[in-house]
C-alpha atoms as a PDB file:
ATOM      1  CA  UNK A   1       0.000   0.000   0.000  1.00  0.00           C
ATOM      2  CA  UNK A   2       3.017   2.289   0.102  1.00  0.00           C
ATOM      3  CA  UNK A   3       2.762   2.594  -3.666  1.00  0.00           C
ATOM      4  CA  UNK A   4      -0.747   3.989  -3.217  1.00  0.00           C
ATOM      5  CA  UNK A   5       0.705   6.806  -1.095  1.00  0.00           C
ATOM      6  CA  UNK A   6       3.284   7.516  -3.791  1.00  0.00           C
ATOM      7  CA  UNK A   7       0.518   7.667  -6.417  1.00  0.00           C
ATOM      8  CA  UNK A   8      -1.430  10.130  -4.244  1.00  0.00           C
ATOM      9  CA  UNK A   9       1.653  12.291  -3.583  1.00  0.00           C
ATOM     10  CA  UNK A  10       2.549  12.343  -7.279  1.00  0.00           C
ATOM     11  CA  UNK A  11      -0.977  13.413  -8.150  1.00  0.00           C
ATOM     12  CA  UNK A  12      -0.877  16.170  -5.511  1.00  0.00           C
ATOM     13  CA  UNK A  13       2.397  17.409  -7.001  1.00  0.00           C
ATOM     14  CA  UNK A  14       1.010  17.374 -10.533  1.00  0.00           C
ATOM     15  CA  UNK A  15       3.203  14.456 -11.601  1.00  0.00           C
ATOM     16  CA  UNK A  16       2.050  11.610 -13.826  1.00  0.00           C
ATOM     17  CA  UNK A  17       2.980   8.101 -12.680  1.00  0.00           C
ATOM     18  CA  UNK A  18       4.658   6.193 -15.494  1.00  0.00           C
ATOM     19  CA  UNK A  19       5.688   9.394 -17.231  1.00  0.00           C
ATOM     20  CA  UNK A  20       7.171  11.858 -14.740  1.00  0.00           C
ATOM     21  CA  UNK A  21       7.854   9.308 -12.012  1.00  0.00           C
ATOM     22  CA  UNK A  22       8.215   5.523 -11.928  1.00  0.00           C
ATOM     23  CA  UNK A  23       6.594   3.472  -9.169  1.00  0.00           C
ATOM     24  CA  UNK A  24       6.796  -0.247  -8.500  1.00  0.00           C
ATOM     25  CA  UNK A  25       5.495  -2.559  -5.816  1.00  0.00           C
ATOM     26  CA  UNK A  26       6.511  -5.865  -4.329  1.00  0.00           C
ATOM     27  CA  UNK A  27       3.739  -8.313  -3.628  1.00  0.00           C
ATOM     28  CA  UNK A  28       1.465  -8.438  -6.668  1.00  0.00           C
ATOM     29  CA  UNK A  29      -1.656  -8.447  -4.525  1.00  0.00           C
ATOM     30  CA  UNK A  30      -5.102  -8.161  -6.020  1.00  0.00           C
ATOM     31  CA  UNK A  31      -5.047  -4.469  -5.021  1.00  0.00           C
ATOM     32  CA  UNK A  32      -2.132  -3.986  -7.392  1.00  0.00           C
ATOM     33  CA  UNK A  33      -4.410  -4.969 -10.218  1.00  0.00           C
ATOM     34  CA  UNK A  34      -7.486  -2.984  -9.319  1.00  0.00           C
ATOM     35  CA  UNK A  35      -6.895   0.315  -7.500  1.00  0.00           C
ATOM     36  CA  UNK A  36      -3.946   1.761  -9.385  1.00  0.00           C
ATOM     37  CA  UNK A  37      -4.210   3.860 -12.521  1.00  0.00           C
ATOM     38  CA  UNK A  38      -1.999   3.420 -14.420  1.00  0.00           C
ATOM     39  CA  UNK A  39      -1.654  -0.253 -13.529  1.00  0.00           C
ATOM     40  CA  UNK A  40       1.168  -0.798 -11.010  1.00  0.00           C
ATOM     41  CA  UNK A  41       4.323  -2.647 -12.068  1.00  0.00           C
ATOM     42  CA  UNK A  42       5.062  -5.104  -9.292  1.00  0.00           C
ATOM     43  CA  UNK A  43       7.174  -8.099  -8.363  1.00  0.00           C
ATOM     44  CA  UNK A  44       5.384 -11.370  -7.695  1.00  0.00           C
ATOM     45  CA  UNK A  45       7.414 -12.966  -4.886  1.00  0.00           C
ATOM     46  CA  UNK A  46       5.864 -16.429  -5.414  1.00  0.00           C
ATOM     47  CA  UNK A  47       4.685 -16.712  -1.822  1.00  0.00           C
ATOM     48  CA  UNK A  48       3.505 -20.321  -2.269  1.00  0.00           C
ATOM     49  CA  UNK A  49       7.006 -21.473  -3.218  1.00  0.00           C
ATOM     50  CA  UNK A  50       8.574 -19.272  -0.551  1.00  0.00           C
ATOM     51  CA  UNK A  51       6.382 -20.706   2.206  1.00  0.00           C
ATOM     52  CA  UNK A  52       6.990 -24.287   1.002  1.00  0.00           C
ATOM     53  CA  UNK A  53      10.756 -23.743   1.093  1.00  0.00           C
ATOM     54  CA  UNK A  54      10.638 -22.175   4.562  1.00  0.00           C
ATOM     55  CA  UNK A  55       8.368 -24.921   5.921  1.00  0.00           C
ATOM     56  CA  UNK A  56      10.687 -27.623   4.522  1.00  0.00           C
ATOM     57  CA  UNK A  57      13.684 -25.938   6.133  1.00  0.00           C
ATOM     58  CA  UNK A  58      11.937 -25.728   9.512  1.00  0.00           C
ATOM     59  CA  UNK A  59      10.883 -29.391   9.394  1.00  0.00           C
ATOM     60  CA  UNK A  60      14.427 -30.461   8.451  1.00  0.00           C
ATOM     61  CA  UNK A  61      15.848 -28.475  11.358  1.00  0.00           C
ATOM     62  CA  UNK A  62      13.327 -29.976  13.787  1.00  0.00           C
ATOM     63  CA  UNK A  63      14.106 -33.485  12.523  1.00  0.00           C
ATOM     64  CA  UNK A  64      17.831 -32.781  12.719  1.00  0.00           C
ATOM     65  CA  UNK A  65      18.519 -33.384   9.023  1.00  0.00           C
ATOM     66  CA  UNK A  66      19.541 -29.770   8.433  1.00  0.00           C
ATOM     67  CA  UNK A  67      21.941 -27.934  10.742  1.00  0.00           C
ATOM     68  CA  UNK A  68      20.734 -24.790  12.445  1.00  0.00           C
ATOM     69  CA  UNK A  69      22.779 -22.092  10.739  1.00  0.00           C
ATOM     70  CA  UNK A  70      22.186 -18.739   9.156  1.00  0.00           C
ATOM     71  CA  UNK A  71      20.952 -19.515   5.695  1.00  0.00           C
ATOM     72  CA  UNK A  72      19.935 -17.444   2.724  1.00  0.00           C
ATOM     73  CA  UNK A  73      17.118 -18.878   0.652  1.00  0.00           C
ATOM     74  CA  UNK A  74      16.633 -17.462  -2.819  1.00  0.00           C
ATOM     75  CA  UNK A  75      13.146 -17.616  -4.257  1.00  0.00           C
ATOM     76  CA  UNK A  76      12.705 -16.584  -7.889  1.00  0.00           C
ATOM     77  CA  UNK A  77      10.352 -13.672  -8.422  1.00  0.00           C
ATOM     78  CA  UNK A  78       8.604 -12.493 -11.542  1.00  0.00           C
ATOM     79  CA  UNK A  79       8.107  -8.900 -12.653  1.00  0.00           C
ATOM     80  CA  UNK A  80       4.488  -8.191 -13.530  1.00  0.00           C
ATOM     81  CA  UNK A  81       4.620  -5.253 -15.893  1.00  0.00           C
ATOM     82  CA  UNK A  82       2.081  -2.508 -15.556  1.00  0.00           C
ATOM     83  CA  UNK A  83       2.319   1.029 -16.860  1.00  0.00           C
ATOM     84  CA  UNK A  84       3.755   2.675 -13.742  1.00  0.00           C
ATOM     85  CA  UNK A  85       7.414   2.443 -14.783  1.00  0.00           C
ATOM     86  CA  UNK A  86       8.842   4.520 -17.586  1.00  0.00           C
ATOM     87  CA  UNK A  87      11.135   2.424 -19.746  1.00  0.00           C
ATOM     88  CA  UNK A  88      13.791   4.254 -21.710  1.00  0.00           C
ATOM     89  CA  UNK A  89      14.008   3.040 -25.283  1.00  0.00           C
END
């Protein structure tokens, strides 16, 4: 919802999102698709895969098959293009 505040501030300043200023989000929620004009460009963090990977890691740690260490887990994300980011040609 932070992007919504940026849209409102841009409008108040007379700026056009996607032309004068670029805005992107990170969650690809249903709100990203419906309340933003122009449509918000956002990253889809693939929460289903993320939660599966985290749950597997927790179970492995509980069962003792994975050591308890600091670990970085990379989950691929997808950019969902809207019209809120100005692309330079």
